């Protein structure tokens, strides 16, 4: 931007830079607001991969890694849902999650091995903390926490797999396209259960 006819003092420029930096220097405050009632979890943030980024091996490896970790989380949370949920609809849904994601995880592992990429076998520290939070929840609080996490998780899962479905790597895109309908089904079911749960809680 041209500034002909104007003489900007260095101190003004410096002050402006400090002001802008100050406005953006505290991301923790915005993050803290999202950690409420299990609805907006850090582990459920949508992937930042774009279709263009899927054109190189690094992004494909990132998809394999993120999908593997997500699959591990889904299975472990599903097992907790089978064990601790108080509502039969949530127990049944959790059993479906365990079954479908166990199968998808095995297929993903085989795909990653074909690509020479070792998928993670353990959760990250952050995701383990979320799993521990779920373990501590009881009764209706567990039901609410679990089913809302399933809604949020599958939103980001779908975004991740939609990006991968456009990858020029035909193995990756085929796997993503095959898995997407299952993820969409999980999302729709979890959303419906969540709505019914909220309605029932509102009557009490």
N, C-alpha and C. Protein backbone atom coordinates (compact mmCIF):
# COMPACT_ATOMS: atom_id res chain seq x y z
N UNK A 1 0.85 -1.20 0.00
CA UNK A 1 0.00 0.00 0.00
C UNK A 1 0.88 1.24 0.00
N UNK A 2 0.68 2.15 -0.95
CA UNK A 2 1.52 3.33 -1.05
C UNK A 2 1.17 4.36 0.02
N UNK A 3 2.17 5.08 0.47
CA UNK A 3 1.94 6.08 1.52
C UNK A 3 2.51 7.42 1.10
N UNK A 4 2.42 7.75 -0.19
CA UNK A 4 2.95 9.02 -0.66
C UNK A 4 2.22 10.17 -0.01
N UNK A 5 2.97 11.18 0.38
CA UNK A 5 2.38 12.35 0.99
C UNK A 5 2.21 12.22 2.49
N UNK A 6 2.57 11.05 3.04
CA UNK A 6 2.43 10.85 4.48
C UNK A 6 3.77 10.41 5.04
N UNK A 7 4.12 10.97 6.15
CA UNK A 7 5.37 10.59 6.82
C UNK A 7 5.00 9.90 8.13
N UNK A 8 5.10 8.55 8.14
CA UNK A 8 4.69 7.78 9.32
C UNK A 8 5.88 7.61 10.24
N UNK A 9 5.75 8.04 11.44
CA UNK A 9 6.83 7.94 12.42
C UNK A 9 7.04 6.50 12.82
N UNK A 10 8.28 6.08 12.98
CA UNK A 10 8.56 4.69 13.39
C UNK A 10 7.86 4.32 14.67
N UNK A 11 7.75 5.23 15.61
CA UNK A 11 7.12 4.90 16.89
C UNK A 11 5.65 4.57 16.69
N UNK A 12 5.01 5.20 15.70
CA UNK A 12 3.59 4.89 15.44
C UNK A 12 3.45 3.49 14.88
N UNK A 13 4.38 3.16 13.98
CA UNK A 13 4.37 1.80 13.41
C UNK A 13 4.57 0.77 14.51
N UNK A 14 5.53 1.03 15.39
CA UNK A 14 5.82 0.11 16.48
C UNK A 14 4.62 -0.05 17.39
N UNK A 15 3.98 1.07 17.71
CA UNK A 15 2.81 1.01 18.60
C UNK A 15 1.69 0.21 17.97
N UNK A 16 1.50 0.39 16.67
CA UNK A 16 0.43 -0.35 15.97
C UNK A 16 0.72 -1.83 15.99
N UNK A 17 1.98 -2.20 15.77
CA UNK A 17 2.34 -3.61 15.76
C UNK A 17 2.10 -4.25 17.12
N UNK A 18 2.45 -3.51 18.17
CA UNK A 18 2.25 -4.03 19.53
C UNK A 18 0.78 -4.20 19.82
N UNK A 19 -0.03 -3.26 19.36
CA UNK A 19 -1.48 -3.32 19.59
C UNK A 19 -2.07 -4.55 18.91
N UNK A 20 -1.69 -4.80 17.65
CA UNK A 20 -2.20 -5.95 16.91
C UNK A 20 -1.78 -7.24 17.57
N UNK A 21 -0.49 -7.28 17.98
CA UNK A 21 0.01 -8.47 18.64
C UNK A 21 -0.73 -8.74 19.93
N UNK A 22 -1.03 -7.67 20.68
CA UNK A 22 -1.73 -7.82 21.95
C UNK A 22 -3.13 -8.37 21.77
N UNK A 23 -3.77 -8.02 20.66
CA UNK A 23 -5.14 -8.49 20.41
C UNK A 23 -5.19 -9.97 20.10
N UNK A 24 -4.03 -10.52 19.68
CA UNK A 24 -4.03 -11.92 19.27
C UNK A 24 -3.09 -12.77 20.11
N UNK A 25 -2.71 -12.30 21.27
CA UNK A 25 -1.67 -12.97 22.03
C UNK A 25 -2.18 -13.92 23.09
N UNK A 26 -3.51 -14.11 23.19
CA UNK A 26 -4.01 -14.96 24.26
C UNK A 26 -4.99 -15.99 23.72
N UNK A 27 -4.52 -16.96 22.94
CA UNK A 27 -5.41 -17.96 22.37
C UNK A 27 -6.01 -18.86 23.43
N UNK A 28 -5.41 -18.95 24.61
CA UNK A 28 -5.94 -19.83 25.64
C UNK A 28 -7.33 -19.42 26.08
N UNK A 29 -7.61 -18.09 26.06
CA UNK A 29 -8.92 -17.63 26.49
C UNK A 29 -10.00 -18.12 25.56
N UNK A 30 -9.75 -18.09 24.25
CA UNK A 30 -10.75 -18.56 23.31
C UNK A 30 -10.89 -20.07 23.38
N UNK A 31 -9.77 -20.77 23.62
CA UNK A 31 -9.84 -22.22 23.73
C UNK A 31 -10.63 -22.64 24.96
N UNK A 32 -10.48 -21.90 26.04
CA UNK A 32 -11.11 -22.30 27.29
C UNK A 32 -12.62 -22.32 27.16
N UNK A 33 -13.17 -21.40 26.37
CA UNK A 33 -14.62 -21.35 26.23
C UNK A 33 -15.20 -22.55 25.52
N UNK A 34 -14.37 -23.27 24.76
CA UNK A 34 -14.88 -24.41 24.01
C UNK A 34 -14.92 -25.68 24.83
N UNK A 35 -14.28 -25.70 25.98
CA UNK A 35 -14.23 -26.90 26.80
C UNK A 35 -15.38 -26.92 27.80
N UNK A 36 -16.61 -26.93 27.31
CA UNK A 36 -17.77 -26.91 28.19
C UNK A 36 -18.70 -28.04 27.88
N UNK A 37 -19.09 -28.79 28.94
CA UNK A 37 -20.13 -29.82 28.89
C UNK A 37 -19.85 -30.91 27.87
N UNK A 38 -18.63 -31.04 27.43
CA UNK A 38 -18.28 -32.10 26.49
C UNK A 38 -18.77 -31.87 25.08
N UNK A 39 -19.28 -30.68 24.79
CA UNK A 39 -19.84 -30.42 23.46
C UNK A 39 -18.77 -30.03 22.46
N UNK A 40 -17.76 -29.24 22.87
CA UNK A 40 -16.73 -28.78 21.95
C UNK A 40 -15.37 -29.15 22.52
N UNK A 41 -14.86 -30.29 22.09
CA UNK A 41 -13.64 -30.83 22.64
C UNK A 41 -12.46 -30.48 21.73
N UNK A 42 -11.27 -30.34 22.36
CA UNK A 42 -10.09 -30.02 21.56
C UNK A 42 -9.80 -31.13 20.56
N UNK A 43 -10.09 -32.39 20.94
CA UNK A 43 -9.78 -33.49 20.04
C UNK A 43 -10.73 -33.55 18.87
N UNK A 44 -11.80 -32.77 18.88
CA UNK A 44 -12.77 -32.84 17.80
C UNK A 44 -12.61 -31.72 16.79
N UNK A 45 -11.51 -30.94 16.88
CA UNK A 45 -11.30 -29.85 15.93
C UNK A 45 -11.15 -30.41 14.53
N UNK A 46 -11.85 -29.84 13.53
CA UNK A 46 -11.75 -30.34 12.16
C UNK A 46 -10.33 -30.27 11.63
N UNK A 47 -9.99 -31.22 10.77
CA UNK A 47 -8.68 -31.22 10.15
C UNK A 47 -8.49 -30.00 9.27
N UNK A 48 -7.24 -29.55 9.13
CA UNK A 48 -6.96 -28.39 8.30
C UNK A 48 -6.49 -28.80 6.91
N UNK A 49 -6.41 -30.12 6.64
CA UNK A 49 -5.98 -30.56 5.32
C UNK A 49 -6.98 -30.13 4.26
N UNK A 50 -6.51 -29.64 3.15
CA UNK A 50 -7.37 -29.31 2.03
C UNK A 50 -7.14 -30.33 0.92
N UNK A 51 -8.00 -30.28 -0.09
CA UNK A 51 -7.85 -31.19 -1.22
C UNK A 51 -6.48 -31.02 -1.86
N UNK A 52 -6.02 -29.79 -2.04
CA UNK A 52 -4.72 -29.55 -2.65
C UNK A 52 -3.60 -30.15 -1.82
N UNK A 53 -3.71 -30.03 -0.50
CA UNK A 53 -2.66 -30.54 0.36
C UNK A 53 -2.56 -32.07 0.32
N UNK A 54 -3.62 -32.74 -0.11
CA UNK A 54 -3.59 -34.19 -0.17
C UNK A 54 -2.77 -34.67 -1.36
N UNK A 55 -2.19 -33.75 -2.15
CA UNK A 55 -1.44 -34.14 -3.33
C UNK A 55 0.00 -34.53 -3.02
N UNK A 56 0.41 -34.46 -1.75
CA UNK A 56 1.78 -34.86 -1.45
C UNK A 56 1.78 -35.90 -0.34
N UNK A 57 2.87 -36.63 -0.23
CA UNK A 57 2.95 -37.73 0.72
C UNK A 57 2.80 -37.33 2.16
N UNK A 58 3.28 -36.13 2.49
CA UNK A 58 3.19 -35.69 3.87
C UNK A 58 1.73 -35.61 4.33
N UNK A 59 0.88 -35.03 3.49
CA UNK A 59 -0.52 -34.91 3.86
C UNK A 59 -1.21 -36.27 3.92
N UNK A 60 -0.84 -37.18 3.04
CA UNK A 60 -1.39 -38.53 3.09
C UNK A 60 -1.00 -39.19 4.39
N UNK A 61 0.26 -39.06 4.78
CA UNK A 61 0.71 -39.61 6.04
C UNK A 61 -0.02 -38.98 7.22
N UNK A 62 -0.29 -37.67 7.10
CA UNK A 62 -1.02 -37.00 8.17
C UNK A 62 -2.44 -37.55 8.28
N UNK A 63 -3.05 -37.82 7.14
CA UNK A 63 -4.39 -38.43 7.16
C UNK A 63 -4.34 -39.80 7.83
N UNK A 64 -3.36 -40.61 7.46
CA UNK A 64 -3.25 -41.94 8.05
C UNK A 64 -3.07 -41.86 9.56
N UNK A 65 -2.26 -40.89 9.99
CA UNK A 65 -2.02 -40.74 11.43
C UNK A 65 -3.27 -40.26 12.15
N UNK A 66 -3.91 -39.22 11.63
CA UNK A 66 -5.10 -38.68 12.29
C UNK A 66 -6.25 -39.68 12.29
N UNK A 67 -6.42 -40.39 11.18
CA UNK A 67 -7.49 -41.38 11.10
C UNK A 67 -7.24 -42.53 12.06
N UNK A 68 -5.97 -42.94 12.20
CA UNK A 68 -5.64 -44.03 13.11
C UNK A 68 -5.92 -43.64 14.56
N UNK A 69 -5.50 -42.44 14.94
CA UNK A 69 -5.73 -41.98 16.32
C UNK A 69 -7.22 -41.83 16.59
N UNK A 70 -7.93 -41.25 15.63
CA UNK A 70 -9.38 -41.09 15.79
C UNK A 70 -10.06 -42.44 15.96
N UNK A 71 -9.61 -43.43 15.17
CA UNK A 71 -10.19 -44.76 15.28
C UNK A 71 -9.94 -45.39 16.63
N UNK A 72 -8.73 -45.20 17.17
CA UNK A 72 -8.42 -45.72 18.50
C UNK A 72 -9.31 -45.09 19.56
N UNK A 73 -9.49 -43.77 19.45
CA UNK A 73 -10.34 -43.06 20.41
C UNK A 73 -11.77 -43.58 20.35
N UNK A 74 -12.29 -43.74 19.14
CA UNK A 74 -13.68 -44.19 18.99
C UNK A 74 -13.89 -45.56 19.63
N UNK A 75 -12.96 -46.47 19.40
CA UNK A 75 -13.10 -47.82 19.94
C UNK A 75 -13.03 -47.81 21.47
N UNK A 76 -12.07 -47.08 22.02
CA UNK A 76 -11.93 -47.06 23.48
C UNK A 76 -13.13 -46.38 24.14
N UNK A 77 -13.62 -45.30 23.55
CA UNK A 77 -14.80 -44.65 24.10
C UNK A 77 -16.03 -45.53 23.92
N UNK A 78 -16.08 -46.24 22.80
CA UNK A 78 -17.20 -47.15 22.58
C UNK A 78 -17.27 -48.24 23.62
N UNK A 79 -16.12 -48.78 23.98
CA UNK A 79 -16.08 -49.82 25.02
C UNK A 79 -16.57 -49.27 26.36
N UNK A 80 -16.19 -48.01 26.65
CA UNK A 80 -16.69 -47.37 27.86
C UNK A 80 -18.20 -47.19 27.78
N UNK A 81 -18.70 -46.83 26.60
CA UNK A 81 -20.13 -46.66 26.41
C UNK A 81 -20.90 -47.94 26.64
N UNK A 82 -20.36 -49.05 26.14
CA UNK A 82 -21.00 -50.35 26.36
C UNK A 82 -21.06 -50.69 27.85
N UNK A 83 -20.02 -50.31 28.56
CA UNK A 83 -19.91 -50.66 29.98
C UNK A 83 -20.68 -49.72 30.90
N UNK A 84 -20.63 -48.40 30.61
CA UNK A 84 -21.10 -47.44 31.60
C UNK A 84 -22.38 -46.69 31.25
N UNK A 85 -22.81 -46.73 30.01
CA UNK A 85 -24.01 -45.97 29.63
C UNK A 85 -25.23 -46.50 30.38
N UNK A 86 -26.10 -45.59 30.79
CA UNK A 86 -27.30 -46.00 31.51
C UNK A 86 -28.49 -46.23 30.58
N UNK A 87 -28.42 -45.68 29.37
CA UNK A 87 -29.50 -45.84 28.40
C UNK A 87 -29.16 -46.94 27.40
N UNK A 88 -30.13 -47.79 27.11
CA UNK A 88 -29.90 -48.89 26.18
C UNK A 88 -29.56 -48.37 24.79
N UNK A 89 -30.20 -47.29 24.38
CA UNK A 89 -29.92 -46.76 23.04
C UNK A 89 -28.46 -46.35 22.90
N UNK A 90 -27.88 -45.82 23.97
CA UNK A 90 -26.48 -45.41 23.93
C UNK A 90 -25.57 -46.63 24.01
N UNK A 91 -25.94 -47.62 24.82
CA UNK A 91 -25.16 -48.86 24.88
C UNK A 91 -25.12 -49.53 23.51
N UNK A 92 -26.27 -49.61 22.86
CA UNK A 92 -26.33 -50.24 21.54
C UNK A 92 -25.52 -49.45 20.51
N UNK A 93 -25.62 -48.14 20.58
CA UNK A 93 -24.85 -47.30 19.67
C UNK A 93 -23.36 -47.50 19.90
N UNK A 94 -22.94 -47.55 21.16
CA UNK A 94 -21.52 -47.73 21.49
C UNK A 94 -21.02 -49.07 20.95
N UNK A 95 -21.86 -50.11 21.01
CA UNK A 95 -21.46 -51.42 20.49
C UNK A 95 -21.25 -51.35 18.97
N UNK A 96 -22.10 -50.58 18.29
CA UNK A 96 -21.94 -50.38 16.85
C UNK A 96 -20.64 -49.65 16.54
N UNK A 97 -20.34 -48.65 17.34
CA UNK A 97 -19.10 -47.89 17.16
C UNK A 97 -17.89 -48.81 17.29
N UNK A 98 -17.88 -49.65 18.32
CA UNK A 98 -16.75 -50.56 18.53
C UNK A 98 -16.60 -51.50 17.34
N UNK A 99 -17.69 -52.06 16.89
CA UNK A 99 -17.66 -53.01 15.78
C UNK A 99 -17.17 -52.34 14.49
N UNK A 100 -17.78 -51.22 14.12
CA UNK A 100 -17.45 -50.58 12.84
C UNK A 100 -16.05 -50.00 12.83
N UNK A 101 -15.65 -49.36 13.94
CA UNK A 101 -14.34 -48.72 13.95
C UNK A 101 -13.21 -49.73 14.12
N UNK A 102 -13.49 -50.85 14.77
CA UNK A 102 -12.47 -51.90 14.84
C UNK A 102 -12.16 -52.43 13.45
N UNK A 103 -13.22 -52.63 12.66
CA UNK A 103 -13.03 -53.09 11.28
C UNK A 103 -12.29 -52.04 10.44
N UNK A 104 -12.70 -50.78 10.58
CA UNK A 104 -12.04 -49.71 9.82
C UNK A 104 -10.59 -49.54 10.24
N UNK A 105 -10.32 -49.69 11.54
CA UNK A 105 -8.94 -49.56 12.03
C UNK A 105 -8.04 -50.63 11.43
N UNK A 106 -8.56 -51.85 11.31
CA UNK A 106 -7.76 -52.94 10.74
C UNK A 106 -7.46 -52.66 9.27
N UNK A 107 -8.44 -52.15 8.56
CA UNK A 107 -8.24 -51.83 7.15
C UNK A 107 -7.26 -50.67 6.99
N UNK A 108 -7.38 -49.67 7.86
CA UNK A 108 -6.47 -48.53 7.81
C UNK A 108 -5.04 -48.96 8.11
N UNK A 109 -4.88 -49.85 9.08
CA UNK A 109 -3.53 -50.33 9.43
C UNK A 109 -2.90 -51.05 8.24
N UNK A 110 -3.68 -51.87 7.55
CA UNK A 110 -3.15 -52.58 6.38
C UNK A 110 -2.77 -51.59 5.27
N UNK A 111 -3.59 -50.55 5.10
CA UNK A 111 -3.30 -49.52 4.11
C UNK A 111 -2.01 -48.78 4.47
N UNK A 112 -1.87 -48.43 5.73
CA UNK A 112 -0.67 -47.70 6.17
C UNK A 112 0.58 -48.55 6.00
N UNK A 113 0.47 -49.84 6.30
CA UNK A 113 1.62 -50.73 6.13
C UNK A 113 2.01 -50.82 4.66
N UNK A 114 1.02 -50.83 3.78
CA UNK A 114 1.30 -50.85 2.34
C UNK A 114 2.07 -49.60 1.91
N UNK A 115 1.75 -48.47 2.58
CA UNK A 115 2.42 -47.20 2.27
C UNK A 115 3.74 -47.04 3.03
N UNK A 116 4.06 -48.01 3.89
CA UNK A 116 5.28 -47.92 4.67
C UNK A 116 5.21 -46.90 5.79
N UNK A 117 3.98 -46.65 6.27
CA UNK A 117 3.79 -45.66 7.33
C UNK A 117 3.30 -46.35 8.60
N UNK A 118 4.07 -46.31 9.70
CA UNK A 118 3.64 -46.95 10.95
C UNK A 118 2.59 -46.08 11.67
N UNK A 119 1.37 -46.56 11.75
CA UNK A 119 0.32 -45.79 12.41
C UNK A 119 0.51 -45.82 13.92
N UNK A 120 0.10 -44.77 14.62
CA UNK A 120 0.23 -44.74 16.08
C UNK A 120 -0.57 -45.87 16.73
N UNK A 121 0.00 -46.46 17.76
CA UNK A 121 -0.69 -47.53 18.49
C UNK A 121 -1.22 -47.03 19.82
N UNK A 122 -0.87 -45.79 20.19
CA UNK A 122 -1.30 -45.22 21.46
C UNK A 122 -1.86 -43.82 21.23
N UNK A 123 -2.67 -43.36 22.19
CA UNK A 123 -3.27 -42.05 22.11
C UNK A 123 -2.26 -40.98 22.52
N UNK A 124 -2.46 -39.79 22.00
CA UNK A 124 -1.65 -38.67 22.46
C UNK A 124 -2.06 -38.32 23.89
N UNK A 125 -1.25 -37.51 24.53
CA UNK A 125 -1.54 -37.14 25.92
C UNK A 125 -2.87 -36.39 26.04
N UNK A 126 -3.13 -35.50 25.09
CA UNK A 126 -4.37 -34.72 25.13
C UNK A 126 -5.58 -35.62 24.98
N UNK A 127 -5.53 -36.55 24.03
CA UNK A 127 -6.67 -37.43 23.80
C UNK A 127 -6.85 -38.40 24.96
N UNK A 128 -5.75 -38.81 25.57
CA UNK A 128 -5.86 -39.68 26.74
C UNK A 128 -6.54 -38.95 27.90
N UNK A 129 -6.27 -37.65 28.02
CA UNK A 129 -6.93 -36.87 29.07
C UNK A 129 -8.44 -36.82 28.86
N UNK A 130 -8.87 -36.68 27.60
CA UNK A 130 -10.29 -36.67 27.31
C UNK A 130 -10.92 -38.02 27.63
N UNK A 131 -10.20 -39.08 27.32
CA UNK A 131 -10.70 -40.42 27.64
C UNK A 131 -10.81 -40.59 29.14
N UNK A 132 -9.85 -40.07 29.89
CA UNK A 132 -9.89 -40.15 31.34
C UNK A 132 -11.08 -39.36 31.90
N UNK A 133 -11.38 -38.21 31.30
CA UNK A 133 -12.54 -37.43 31.71
C UNK A 133 -13.82 -38.25 31.55
N UNK A 134 -13.91 -38.96 30.44
CA UNK A 134 -15.09 -39.79 30.19
C UNK A 134 -15.18 -40.93 31.20
N UNK A 135 -14.04 -41.50 31.54
CA UNK A 135 -14.02 -42.59 32.52
C UNK A 135 -14.55 -42.14 33.88
N UNK A 136 -14.30 -40.88 34.22
CA UNK A 136 -14.72 -40.38 35.53
C UNK A 136 -16.21 -40.02 35.58
N UNK A 137 -16.83 -39.82 34.43
CA UNK A 137 -18.25 -39.46 34.40
C UNK A 137 -19.11 -40.66 34.76
N UNK A 138 -20.27 -40.37 35.37
CA UNK A 138 -21.15 -41.44 35.83
C UNK A 138 -22.60 -41.15 35.44
N UNK A 139 -23.39 -42.23 35.27
CA UNK A 139 -24.83 -42.10 35.07
C UNK A 139 -25.20 -41.24 33.88
N UNK A 140 -26.17 -40.34 34.09
CA UNK A 140 -26.66 -39.48 33.02
C UNK A 140 -25.57 -38.52 32.53
N UNK A 141 -24.67 -38.14 33.43
CA UNK A 141 -23.57 -37.27 33.01
C UNK A 141 -22.69 -37.99 31.99
N UNK A 142 -22.48 -39.28 32.22
CA UNK A 142 -21.70 -40.06 31.25
C UNK A 142 -22.43 -40.11 29.92
N UNK A 143 -23.72 -40.43 29.96
CA UNK A 143 -24.51 -40.52 28.73
C UNK A 143 -24.41 -39.23 27.92
N UNK A 144 -24.60 -38.11 28.60
CA UNK A 144 -24.57 -36.81 27.93
C UNK A 144 -23.19 -36.52 27.35
N UNK A 145 -22.17 -36.76 28.15
CA UNK A 145 -20.79 -36.50 27.73
C UNK A 145 -20.42 -37.37 26.53
N UNK A 146 -20.73 -38.65 26.62
CA UNK A 146 -20.35 -39.58 25.57
C UNK A 146 -21.06 -39.29 24.25
N UNK A 147 -22.37 -39.15 24.29
CA UNK A 147 -23.09 -39.02 23.03
C UNK A 147 -22.78 -37.69 22.34
N UNK A 148 -22.56 -36.65 23.12
CA UNK A 148 -22.20 -35.37 22.50
C UNK A 148 -20.78 -35.40 21.94
N UNK A 149 -19.89 -36.14 22.58
CA UNK A 149 -18.55 -36.30 22.02
C UNK A 149 -18.61 -37.07 20.71
N UNK A 150 -19.52 -38.03 20.62
CA UNK A 150 -19.66 -38.79 19.38
C UNK A 150 -20.15 -37.89 18.23
N UNK A 151 -21.05 -36.99 18.55
CA UNK A 151 -21.51 -36.04 17.53
C UNK A 151 -20.33 -35.20 17.04
N UNK A 152 -19.60 -34.60 17.99
CA UNK A 152 -18.49 -33.72 17.64
C UNK A 152 -17.37 -34.48 16.92
N UNK A 153 -17.04 -35.68 17.41
CA UNK A 153 -15.95 -36.44 16.81
C UNK A 153 -16.25 -36.81 15.36
N UNK A 154 -17.51 -37.16 15.10
CA UNK A 154 -17.84 -37.59 13.75
C UNK A 154 -17.95 -36.42 12.77
N UNK A 155 -18.19 -35.24 13.28
CA UNK A 155 -18.13 -34.06 12.41
C UNK A 155 -16.71 -33.90 11.86
N UNK A 156 -15.73 -33.98 12.75
CA UNK A 156 -14.34 -33.82 12.31
C UNK A 156 -13.86 -35.05 11.54
N UNK A 157 -14.34 -36.24 11.91
CA UNK A 157 -13.98 -37.44 11.15
C UNK A 157 -14.45 -37.32 9.70
N UNK A 158 -15.69 -36.88 9.53
CA UNK A 158 -16.24 -36.74 8.18
C UNK A 158 -15.44 -35.72 7.36
N UNK A 159 -15.09 -34.60 7.99
CA UNK A 159 -14.29 -33.59 7.29
C UNK A 159 -12.93 -34.17 6.88
N UNK A 160 -12.32 -34.93 7.77
CA UNK A 160 -11.01 -35.54 7.47
C UNK A 160 -11.12 -36.51 6.30
N UNK A 161 -12.13 -37.36 6.32
CA UNK A 161 -12.27 -38.38 5.28
C UNK A 161 -12.76 -37.79 3.96
N UNK A 162 -13.53 -36.72 4.02
CA UNK A 162 -13.94 -36.07 2.77
C UNK A 162 -12.72 -35.49 2.05
N UNK A 163 -11.81 -34.91 2.81
CA UNK A 163 -10.57 -34.41 2.21
C UNK A 163 -9.76 -35.54 1.59
N UNK A 164 -9.67 -36.66 2.31
CA UNK A 164 -8.89 -37.80 1.82
C UNK A 164 -9.53 -38.46 0.62
N UNK A 165 -10.85 -38.37 0.52
CA UNK A 165 -11.55 -39.00 -0.61
C UNK A 165 -11.19 -38.34 -1.94
N UNK A 166 -10.62 -37.13 -1.89
CA UNK A 166 -10.22 -36.42 -3.09
C UNK A 166 -8.72 -36.54 -3.36
N UNK A 167 -8.05 -37.37 -2.58
CA UNK A 167 -6.61 -37.55 -2.76
C UNK A 167 -6.30 -38.22 -4.09
N UNK A 168 -5.24 -37.78 -4.77
CA UNK A 168 -4.81 -38.48 -5.98
C UNK A 168 -4.22 -39.86 -5.70
N UNK A 169 -3.94 -40.13 -4.42
CA UNK A 169 -3.52 -41.48 -4.04
C UNK A 169 -4.77 -42.36 -4.06
N UNK A 170 -4.87 -43.23 -5.04
CA UNK A 170 -6.10 -43.99 -5.25
C UNK A 170 -6.42 -44.94 -4.10
N UNK A 171 -5.40 -45.47 -3.43
CA UNK A 171 -5.65 -46.35 -2.28
C UNK A 171 -6.29 -45.58 -1.14
N UNK A 172 -5.75 -44.39 -0.89
CA UNK A 172 -6.28 -43.56 0.19
C UNK A 172 -7.70 -43.08 -0.13
N UNK A 173 -7.90 -42.60 -1.34
CA UNK A 173 -9.22 -42.09 -1.71
C UNK A 173 -10.27 -43.20 -1.69
N UNK A 174 -9.90 -44.41 -2.11
CA UNK A 174 -10.84 -45.53 -2.11
C UNK A 174 -11.24 -45.90 -0.68
N UNK A 175 -10.26 -45.93 0.21
CA UNK A 175 -10.56 -46.24 1.61
C UNK A 175 -11.45 -45.18 2.23
N UNK A 176 -11.15 -43.93 1.95
CA UNK A 176 -11.93 -42.83 2.51
C UNK A 176 -13.37 -42.87 2.00
N UNK A 177 -13.53 -43.10 0.70
CA UNK A 177 -14.88 -43.15 0.12
C UNK A 177 -15.67 -44.33 0.68
N UNK A 178 -15.02 -45.44 0.92
CA UNK A 178 -15.69 -46.61 1.48
C UNK A 178 -16.13 -46.36 2.92
N UNK A 179 -15.33 -45.62 3.68
CA UNK A 179 -15.58 -45.41 5.10
C UNK A 179 -16.56 -44.27 5.37
N UNK A 180 -16.63 -43.30 4.48
CA UNK A 180 -17.46 -42.12 4.69
C UNK A 180 -18.93 -42.44 5.01
N UNK A 181 -19.60 -43.34 4.28
CA UNK A 181 -21.00 -43.63 4.60
C UNK A 181 -21.19 -44.17 6.01
N UNK A 182 -20.22 -44.92 6.49
CA UNK A 182 -20.29 -45.45 7.86
C UNK A 182 -20.19 -44.31 8.87
N UNK A 183 -19.27 -43.39 8.63
CA UNK A 183 -19.11 -42.24 9.52
C UNK A 183 -20.35 -41.36 9.50
N UNK A 184 -20.93 -41.17 8.31
CA UNK A 184 -22.14 -40.35 8.20
C UNK A 184 -23.28 -41.00 8.96
N UNK A 185 -23.38 -42.32 8.89
CA UNK A 185 -24.41 -43.06 9.62
C UNK A 185 -24.22 -42.88 11.14
N UNK A 186 -22.98 -42.99 11.59
CA UNK A 186 -22.70 -42.79 13.01
C UNK A 186 -23.09 -41.38 13.46
N UNK A 187 -22.75 -40.40 12.62
CA UNK A 187 -23.08 -39.02 12.96
C UNK A 187 -24.59 -38.83 13.08
N UNK A 188 -25.32 -39.32 12.11
CA UNK A 188 -26.78 -39.16 12.13
C UNK A 188 -27.40 -39.84 13.35
N UNK A 189 -26.93 -41.03 13.67
CA UNK A 189 -27.46 -41.77 14.81
C UNK A 189 -27.13 -41.06 16.12
N UNK A 190 -25.88 -40.61 16.26
CA UNK A 190 -25.49 -39.94 17.50
C UNK A 190 -26.24 -38.63 17.68
N UNK A 191 -26.48 -37.92 16.58
CA UNK A 191 -27.22 -36.65 16.67
C UNK A 191 -28.66 -36.89 17.11
N UNK A 192 -29.27 -37.92 16.57
CA UNK A 192 -30.66 -38.23 16.95
C UNK A 192 -30.75 -38.65 18.41
N UNK A 193 -29.83 -39.48 18.85
CA UNK A 193 -29.82 -39.89 20.26
C UNK A 193 -29.59 -38.69 21.16
N UNK A 194 -28.69 -37.81 20.75
CA UNK A 194 -28.41 -36.61 21.55
C UNK A 194 -29.65 -35.73 21.68
N UNK A 195 -30.39 -35.57 20.59
CA UNK A 195 -31.61 -34.77 20.62
C UNK A 195 -32.63 -35.37 21.57
N UNK A 196 -32.83 -36.68 21.49
CA UNK A 196 -33.79 -37.36 22.36
C UNK A 196 -33.36 -37.27 23.81
N UNK A 197 -32.06 -37.40 24.04
CA UNK A 197 -31.53 -37.31 25.40
C UNK A 197 -31.81 -35.93 25.98
N UNK A 198 -31.53 -34.89 25.20
CA UNK A 198 -31.76 -33.52 25.66
C UNK A 198 -33.24 -33.26 25.93
N UNK A 199 -34.10 -33.81 25.08
CA UNK A 199 -35.54 -33.63 25.27
C UNK A 199 -36.01 -34.31 26.54
N UNK A 200 -35.51 -35.52 26.79
CA UNK A 200 -35.90 -36.25 28.00
C UNK A 200 -35.40 -35.55 29.25
N UNK A 201 -34.18 -35.02 29.20
CA UNK A 201 -33.64 -34.30 30.35
C UNK A 201 -34.42 -33.03 30.60
N UNK A 202 -34.93 -32.41 29.53
CA UNK A 202 -35.69 -31.17 29.68
C UNK A 202 -37.04 -31.37 30.34
N UNK A 203 -37.55 -32.59 30.28
CA UNK A 203 -38.85 -32.86 30.90
C UNK A 203 -38.74 -33.04 32.41
N UNK A 204 -37.52 -33.26 32.91
CA UNK A 204 -37.37 -33.52 34.34
C UNK A 204 -37.20 -32.23 35.14
